[in-house]
Amino acid sequence: QLDSETRTLAEQIAKMPPFALRQAKRAVNQTLDVQGFYAAIQSVFDIHQTGHGNALSVSGWPVLVNMDQMKANIQ
């Protein structure tokens, strides 16, 4: 059912004027930006990358993982 509903929605969108779709997308993106979405994403990414830097300095790897445990879970 999800596949058929998704296809129906995609077909409806495909029939819409491309310029109108671009304008709607632009309006949504600008609204998110005004609400601070872009700043929030940048902040979270900065925190995420800082974590990788810390892991690299602590363990020599950019992620803190127990490699033996990871291998055991994969097998």
PDB file of N, CA and C in Angstrom:
ATOM      1  N   GLN A   1       0.828  -1.192   0.000  1.00  0.00           N
ATOM      2  CA  GLN A   1       0.000   0.000   0.000  1.00  0.00           C
ATOM      3  C   GLN A   1       0.873   1.257   0.000  1.00  0.00           C
ATOM      4  N   LEU A   2       1.973   1.245   0.744  1.00  0.00           N
ATOM      5  CA  LEU A   2       2.850   2.414   0.786  1.00  0.00           C
ATOM      6  C   LEU A   2       3.410   2.717  -0.596  1.00  0.00           C
ATOM      7  N   ASP A   3       3.816   1.671  -1.325  1.00  0.00           N
ATOM      8  CA  ASP A   3       4.362   1.870  -2.666  1.00  0.00           C
ATOM      9  C   ASP A   3       3.348   2.522  -3.597  1.00  0.00           C
ATOM     10  N   SER A   4       2.119   2.045  -3.571  1.00  0.00           N
ATOM     11  CA  SER A   4       1.108   2.597  -4.478  1.00  0.00           C
ATOM     12  C   SER A   4       0.745   4.030  -4.099  1.00  0.00           C
ATOM     13  N   GLU A   5       0.650   4.305  -2.807  1.00  0.00           N
ATOM     14  CA  GLU A   5       0.359   5.671  -2.356  1.00  0.00           C
ATOM     15  C   GLU A   5       1.500   6.616  -2.719  1.00  0.00           C
ATOM     16  N   THR A   6       2.728   6.136  -2.568  1.00  0.00           N
ATOM     17  CA  THR A   6       3.897   6.952  -2.902  1.00  0.00           C
ATOM     18  C   THR A   6       3.918   7.253  -4.393  1.00  0.00           C
ATOM     19  N   ARG A   7       3.642   6.240  -5.208  1.00  0.00           N
ATOM     20  CA  ARG A   7       3.616   6.434  -6.661  1.00  0.00           C
ATOM     21  C   ARG A   7       2.527   7.430  -7.050  1.00  0.00           C
ATOM     22  N   THR A   8       1.366   7.313  -6.439  1.00  0.00           N
ATOM     23  CA  THR A   8       0.267   8.237  -6.731  1.00  0.00           C
ATOM     24  C   THR A   8       0.668   9.672  -6.407  1.00  0.00           C
ATOM     25  N   LEU A   9       1.280   9.862  -5.251  1.00  0.00           N
ATOM     26  CA  LEU A   9       1.729  11.199  -4.861  1.00  0.00           C
ATOM     27  C   LEU A   9       2.793  11.714  -5.825  1.00  0.00           C
ATOM     28  N   ALA A  10       3.753  10.866  -6.187  1.00  0.00           N
ATOM     29  CA  ALA A  10       4.816  11.268  -7.117  1.00  0.00           C
ATOM     30  C   ALA A  10       4.233  11.656  -8.472  1.00  0.00           C
ATOM     31  N   GLU A  11       3.235  10.928  -8.933  1.00  0.00           N
ATOM     32  CA  GLU A  11       2.596  11.249 -10.217  1.00  0.00           C
ATOM     33  C   GLU A  11       1.867  12.584 -10.147  1.00  0.00           C
ATOM     34  N   GLN A  12       1.231  12.867  -9.019  1.00  0.00           N
ATOM     35  CA  GLN A  12       0.548  14.159  -8.846  1.00  0.00           C
ATOM     36  C   GLN A  12       1.563  15.295  -8.866  1.00  0.00           C
ATOM     37  N   ILE A  13       2.674  15.114  -8.162  1.00  0.00           N
ATOM     38  CA  ILE A  13       3.711  16.145  -8.112  1.00  0.00           C
ATOM     39  C   ILE A  13       4.321  16.349  -9.496  1.00  0.00           C
ATOM     40  N   ALA A  14       4.533  15.255 -10.239  1.00  0.00           N
ATOM     41  CA  ALA A  14       5.135  15.343 -11.574  1.00  0.00           C
ATOM     42  C   ALA A  14       4.271  16.148 -12.543  1.00  0.00           C
ATOM     43  N   LYS A  15       2.968  16.212 -12.298  1.00  0.00           N
ATOM     44  CA  LYS A  15       2.059  16.959 -13.172  1.00  0.00           C
ATOM     45  C   LYS A  15       2.036  18.454 -12.846  1.00  0.00           C
ATOM     46  N   MET A  16       2.621  18.841 -11.727  1.00  0.00           N
ATOM     47  CA  MET A  16       2.589  20.244 -11.308  1.00  0.00           C
ATOM     48  C   MET A  16       3.628  21.058 -12.077  1.00  0.00           C
ATOM     49  N   PRO A  17       3.373  22.355 -12.228  1.00  0.00           N
ATOM     50  CA  PRO A  17       4.334  23.212 -12.936  1.00  0.00           C
ATOM     51  C   PRO A  17       5.669  23.275 -12.171  1.00  0.00           C
ATOM     52  N   PRO A  18       6.793  23.029 -12.863  1.00  0.00           N
ATOM     53  CA  PRO A  18       8.099  23.030 -12.194  1.00  0.00           C
ATOM     54  C   PRO A  18       8.411  24.340 -11.466  1.00  0.00           C
ATOM     55  N   PHE A  19       8.039  25.468 -12.073  1.00  0.00           N
ATOM     56  CA  PHE A  19       8.326  26.750 -11.431  1.00  0.00           C
ATOM     57  C   PHE A  19       7.578  26.868 -10.107  1.00  0.00           C
ATOM     58  N   ALA A  20       6.330  26.445 -10.084  1.00  0.00           N
ATOM     59  CA  ALA A  20       5.539  26.507  -8.847  1.00  0.00           C
ATOM     60  C   ALA A  20       6.149  25.613  -7.774  1.00  0.00           C
ATOM     61  N   LEU A  21       6.640  24.444  -8.168  1.00  0.00           N
ATOM     62  CA  LEU A  21       7.285  23.547  -7.201  1.00  0.00           C
ATOM     63  C   LEU A  21       8.550  24.179  -6.630  1.00  0.00           C
ATOM     64  N   ARG A  22       9.334  24.818  -7.505  1.00  0.00           N
ATOM     65  CA  ARG A  22      10.558  25.482  -7.017  1.00  0.00           C
ATOM     66  C   ARG A  22      10.223  26.608  -6.051  1.00  0.00           C
ATOM     67  N   GLN A  23       9.178  27.354  -6.359  1.00  0.00           N
ATOM     68  CA  GLN A  23       8.773  28.455  -5.483  1.00  0.00           C
ATOM     69  C   GLN A  23       8.277  27.927  -4.137  1.00  0.00           C
ATOM     70  N   ALA A  24       7.518  26.849  -4.161  1.00  0.00           N
ATOM     71  CA  ALA A  24       7.029  26.263  -2.905  1.00  0.00           C
ATOM     72  C   ALA A  24       8.198  25.766  -2.064  1.00  0.00           C
ATOM     73  N   LYS A  25       9.157  25.109  -2.721  1.00  0.00           N
ATOM     74  CA  LYS A  25      10.341  24.618  -2.003  1.00  0.00           C
ATOM     75  C   LYS A  25      11.123  25.789  -1.414  1.00  0.00           C
ATOM     76  N   ARG A  26      11.253  26.840  -2.191  1.00  0.00           N
ATOM     77  CA  ARG A  26      11.965  28.030  -1.706  1.00  0.00           C
ATOM     78  C   ARG A  26      11.262  28.629  -0.487  1.00  0.00           C
ATOM     79  N   ALA A  27       9.946  28.683  -0.528  1.00  0.00           N
ATOM     80  CA  ALA A  27       9.180  29.235   0.597  1.00  0.00           C
ATOM     81  C   ALA A  27       9.380  28.394   1.855  1.00  0.00           C
ATOM     82  N   VAL A  28       9.336  27.073   1.701  1.00  0.00           N
ATOM     83  CA  VAL A  28       9.542  26.190   2.858  1.00  0.00           C
ATOM     84  C   VAL A  28      10.947  26.379   3.416  1.00  0.00           C
ATOM     85  N   ASN A  29      11.954  26.390   2.530  1.00  0.00           N
ATOM     86  CA  ASN A  29      13.337  26.549   2.988  1.00  0.00           C
ATOM     87  C   ASN A  29      13.553  27.888   3.688  1.00  0.00           C
ATOM     88  N   GLN A  30      12.968  28.957   3.155  1.00  0.00           N
ATOM     89  CA  GLN A  30      13.117  30.266   3.795  1.00  0.00           C
ATOM     90  C   GLN A  30      12.435  30.289   5.160  1.00  0.00           C
ATOM     91  N   THR A  31      11.290  29.659   5.268  1.00  0.00           N
ATOM     92  CA  THR A  31      10.596  29.592   6.556  1.00  0.00           C
ATOM     93  C   THR A  31      11.439  28.850   7.584  1.00  0.00           C
ATOM     94  N   LEU A  32      12.012  27.717   7.173  1.00  0.00           N
ATOM     95  CA  LEU A  32      12.877  26.962   8.082  1.00  0.00           C
ATOM     96  C   LEU A  32      14.092  27.789   8.486  1.00  0.00           C
ATOM     97  N   ASP A  33      14.650  28.526   7.537  1.00  0.00           N
ATOM     98  CA  ASP A  33      15.823  29.351   7.830  1.00  0.00           C
ATOM     99  C   ASP A  33      15.480  30.454   8.832  1.00  0.00           C
ATOM    100  N   VAL A  34      14.335  31.100   8.639  1.00  0.00           N
ATOM    101  CA  VAL A  34      13.904  32.158   9.563  1.00  0.00           C
ATOM    102  C   VAL A  34      13.726  31.596  10.973  1.00  0.00           C
ATOM    103  N   GLN A  35      13.304  30.341  11.069  1.00  0.00           N
ATOM    104  CA  GLN A  35      13.099  29.703  12.370  1.00  0.00           C
ATOM    105  C   GLN A  35      14.407  29.198  12.978  1.00  0.00           C
ATOM    106  N   GLY A  36      15.517  29.370  12.256  1.00  0.00           N
ATOM    107  CA  GLY A  36      16.808  28.977  12.803  1.00  0.00           C
ATOM    108  C   GLY A  36      17.253  27.570  12.442  1.00  0.00           C
ATOM    109  N   PHE A  37      16.594  26.950  11.471  1.00  0.00           N
ATOM    110  CA  PHE A  37      16.920  25.571  11.111  1.00  0.00           C
ATOM    111  C   PHE A  37      18.366  25.438  10.640  1.00  0.00           C
ATOM    112  N   TYR A  38      18.794  26.333   9.745  1.00  0.00           N
ATOM    113  CA  TYR A  38      20.160  26.252   9.215  1.00  0.00           C
ATOM    114  C   TYR A  38      21.182  26.416  10.336  1.00  0.00           C
ATOM    115  N   ALA A  39      20.965  27.377  11.221  1.00  0.00           N
ATOM    116  CA  ALA A  39      21.891  27.593  12.341  1.00  0.00           C
ATOM    117  C   ALA A  39      21.926  26.371  13.255  1.00  0.00           C
ATOM    118  N   ALA A  40      20.783  25.759  13.479  1.00  0.00           N
ATOM    119  CA  ALA A  40      20.732  24.564  14.329  1.00  0.00           C
ATOM    120  C   ALA A  40      21.507  23.414  13.693  1.00  0.00           C
ATOM    121  N   ILE A  41      21.341  23.219  12.391  1.00  0.00           N
ATOM    122  CA  ILE A  41      22.067  22.153  11.687  1.00  0.00           C
ATOM    123  C   ILE A  41      23.569  22.408  11.765  1.00  0.00           C
ATOM    124  N   GLN A  42      23.991  23.648  11.546  1.00  0.00           N
ATOM    125  CA  GLN A  42      25.419  23.976  11.618  1.00  0.00           C
ATOM    126  C   GLN A  42      25.965  23.712  13.017  1.00  0.00           C
ATOM    127  N   SER A  43      25.201  24.066  14.028  1.00  0.00           N
ATOM    128  CA  SER A  43      25.628  23.867  15.411  1.00  0.00           C
ATOM    129  C   SER A  43      25.773  22.386  15.736  1.00  0.00           C
ATOM    130  N   VAL A  44      24.789  21.602  15.353  1.00  0.00           N
ATOM    131  CA  VAL A  44      24.834  20.164  15.619  1.00  0.00           C
ATOM    132  C   VAL A  44      25.999  19.522  14.874  1.00  0.00           C
ATOM    133  N   PHE A  45      26.231  19.934  13.634  1.00  0.00           N
ATOM    134  CA  PHE A  45      27.341  19.378  12.863  1.00  0.00           C
ATOM    135  C   PHE A  45      28.669  19.723  13.525  1.00  0.00           C
ATOM    136  N   ASP A  46      28.797  20.948  14.033  1.00  0.00           N
ATOM    137  CA  ASP A  46      30.017  21.360  14.728  1.00  0.00           C
ATOM    138  C   ASP A  46      30.252  20.484  15.964  1.00  0.00           C
ATOM    139  N   ILE A  47      29.206  20.262  16.740  1.00  0.00           N
ATOM    140  CA  ILE A  47      29.317  19.405  17.929  1.00  0.00           C
ATOM    141  C   ILE A  47      29.693  17.982  17.521  1.00  0.00           C
ATOM    142  N   HIS A  48      29.083  17.496  16.465  1.00  0.00           N
ATOM    143  CA  HIS A  48      29.364  16.148  15.961  1.00  0.00           C
ATOM    144  C   HIS A  48      30.838  16.018  15.557  1.00  0.00           C
ATOM    145  N   GLN A  49      31.338  16.994  14.807  1.00  0.00           N
ATOM    146  CA  GLN A  49      32.732  16.946  14.353  1.00  0.00           C
ATOM    147  C   GLN A  49      33.706  17.092  15.529  1.00  0.00           C
ATOM    148  N   THR A  50      33.354  17.892  16.520  1.00  0.00           N
ATOM    149  CA  THR A  50      34.193  18.030  17.710  1.00  0.00           C
ATOM    150  C   THR A  50      34.313  16.689  18.418  1.00  0.00           C
ATOM    151  N   GLY A  51      33.239  15.923  18.438  1.00  0.00           N
ATOM    152  CA  GLY A  51      33.276  14.583  19.021  1.00  0.00           C
ATOM    153  C   GLY A  51      34.257  13.681  18.293  1.00  0.00           C
ATOM    154  N   HIS A  52      34.284  13.769  16.966  1.00  0.00           N
ATOM    155  CA  HIS A  52      35.251  12.981  16.196  1.00  0.00           C
ATOM    156  C   HIS A  52      36.683  13.408  16.522  1.00  0.00           C
ATOM    157  N   GLY A  53      36.897  14.709  16.648  1.00  0.00           N
ATOM    158  CA  GLY A  53      38.233  15.198  16.994  1.00  0.00           C
ATOM    159  C   GLY A  53      38.677  14.699  18.352  1.00  0.00           C
ATOM    160  N   ASN A  54      37.768  14.711  19.309  1.00  0.00           N
ATOM    161  CA  ASN A  54      38.084  14.207  20.642  1.00  0.00           C
ATOM    162  C   ASN A  54      38.399  12.718  20.592  1.00  0.00           C
ATOM    163  N   ALA A  55      37.587  11.952  19.878  1.00  0.00           N
ATOM    164  CA  ALA A  55      37.820  10.511  19.770  1.00  0.00           C
ATOM    165  C   ALA A  55      39.183  10.231  19.148  1.00  0.00           C
ATOM    166  N   LEU A  56      39.542  11.000  18.130  1.00  0.00           N
ATOM    167  CA  LEU A  56      40.833  10.818  17.469  1.00  0.00           C
ATOM    168  C   LEU A  56      41.977  11.089  18.430  1.00  0.00           C
ATOM    169  N   SER A  57      41.857  12.146  19.240  1.00  0.00           N
ATOM    170  CA  SER A  57      42.937  12.465  20.180  1.00  0.00           C
ATOM    171  C   SER A  57      43.013  11.469  21.334  1.00  0.00           C
ATOM    172  N   VAL A  58      41.885  10.889  21.719  1.00  0.00           N
ATOM    173  CA  VAL A  58      41.853   9.943  22.834  1.00  0.00           C
ATOM    174  C   VAL A  58      42.297   8.544  22.407  1.00  0.00           C
ATOM    175  N   SER A  59      41.812   8.089  21.246  1.00  0.00           N
ATOM    176  CA  SER A  59      42.026   6.687  20.870  1.00  0.00           C
ATOM    177  C   SER A  59      42.845   6.477  19.605  1.00  0.00           C
ATOM    178  N   GLY A  60      43.093   7.552  18.873  1.00  0.00           N
ATOM    179  CA  GLY A  60      43.769   7.396  17.591  1.00  0.00           C
ATOM    180  C   GLY A  60      42.816   7.043  16.463  1.00  0.00           C
ATOM    181  N   TRP A  61      41.542   6.872  16.776  1.00  0.00           N
ATOM    182  CA  TRP A  61      40.502   6.594  15.786  1.00  0.00           C
ATOM    183  C   TRP A  61      39.491   7.738  15.814  1.00  0.00           C
ATOM    184  N   PRO A  62      38.873   8.076  14.676  1.00  0.00           N
ATOM    185  CA  PRO A  62      37.899   9.178  14.673  1.00  0.00           C
ATOM    186  C   PRO A  62      36.562   8.827  15.318  1.00  0.00           C
ATOM    187  N   VAL A  63      36.429   7.584  15.782  1.00  0.00           N
ATOM    188  CA  VAL A  63      35.223   7.180  16.516  1.00  0.00           C
ATOM    189  C   VAL A  63      35.651   6.357  17.718  1.00  0.00           C
ATOM    190  N   LEU A  64      34.921   6.475  18.796  1.00  0.00           N
ATOM    191  CA  LEU A  64      35.220   5.674  19.979  1.00  0.00           C
ATOM    192  C   LEU A  64      34.410   4.388  19.899  1.00  0.00           C
ATOM    193  N   VAL A  65      35.080   3.315  19.537  1.00  0.00           N
ATOM    194  CA  VAL A  65      34.413   2.025  19.405  1.00  0.00           C
ATOM    195  C   VAL A  65      35.294   0.940  19.992  1.00  0.00           C
ATOM    196  N   ASN A  66      34.642  -0.033  20.537  1.00  0.00           N
ATOM    197  CA  ASN A  66      35.342  -1.229  20.966  1.00  0.00           C
ATOM    198  C   ASN A  66      35.375  -2.147  19.748  1.00  0.00           C
ATOM    199  N   MET A  67      36.525  -2.189  19.058  1.00  0.00           N
ATOM    200  CA  MET A  67      36.625  -2.924  17.802  1.00  0.00           C
ATOM    201  C   MET A  67      36.337  -4.413  17.976  1.00  0.00           C
ATOM    202  N   ASP A  68      36.779  -5.005  19.089  1.00  0.00           N
ATOM    203  CA  ASP A  68      36.528  -6.429  19.309  1.00  0.00           C
ATOM    204  C   ASP A  68      35.027  -6.704  19.421  1.00  0.00           C
ATOM    205  N   GLN A  69      34.341  -5.832  20.162  1.00  0.00           N
ATOM    206  CA  GLN A  69      32.897  -6.004  20.320  1.00  0.00           C
ATOM    207  C   GLN A  69      32.192  -5.812  18.975  1.00  0.00           C
ATOM    208  N   MET A  70      32.646  -4.845  18.192  1.00  0.00           N
ATOM    209  CA  MET A  70      32.041  -4.607  16.893  1.00  0.00           C
ATOM    210  C   MET A  70      32.209  -5.833  15.990  1.00  0.00           C
ATOM    211  N   LYS A  71      33.408  -6.388  15.955  1.00  0.00           N
ATOM    212  CA  LYS A  71      33.659  -7.571  15.130  1.00  0.00           C
ATOM    213  C   LYS A  71      32.775  -8.739  15.568  1.00  0.00           C
ATOM    214  N   ALA A  72      32.620  -8.923  16.878  1.00  0.00           N
ATOM    215  CA  ALA A  72      31.790 -10.012  17.393  1.00  0.00           C
ATOM    216  C   ALA A  72      30.331  -9.840  16.970  1.00  0.00           C
ATOM    217  N   ASN A  73      29.851  -8.606  16.961  1.00  0.00           N
ATOM    218  CA  ASN A  73      28.462  -8.349  16.582  1.00  0.00           C
ATOM    219  C   ASN A  73      28.229  -8.519  15.087  1.00  0.00           C
ATOM    220  N   ILE A  74      29.256  -8.272  14.299  1.00  0.00           N
ATOM    221  CA  ILE A  74      29.123  -8.410  12.850  1.00  0.00           C
ATOM    222  C   ILE A  74      29.104  -9.879  12.452  1.00  0.00           C
ATOM    223  N   GLN A  75      29.906 -10.694  13.122  1.00  0.00           N
ATOM    224  CA  GLN A  75      30.004 -12.107  12.742  1.00  0.00           C
ATOM    225  C   GLN A  75      28.815 -12.870  13.142  1.00  0.00           C
TER     226      GLN A  75
END
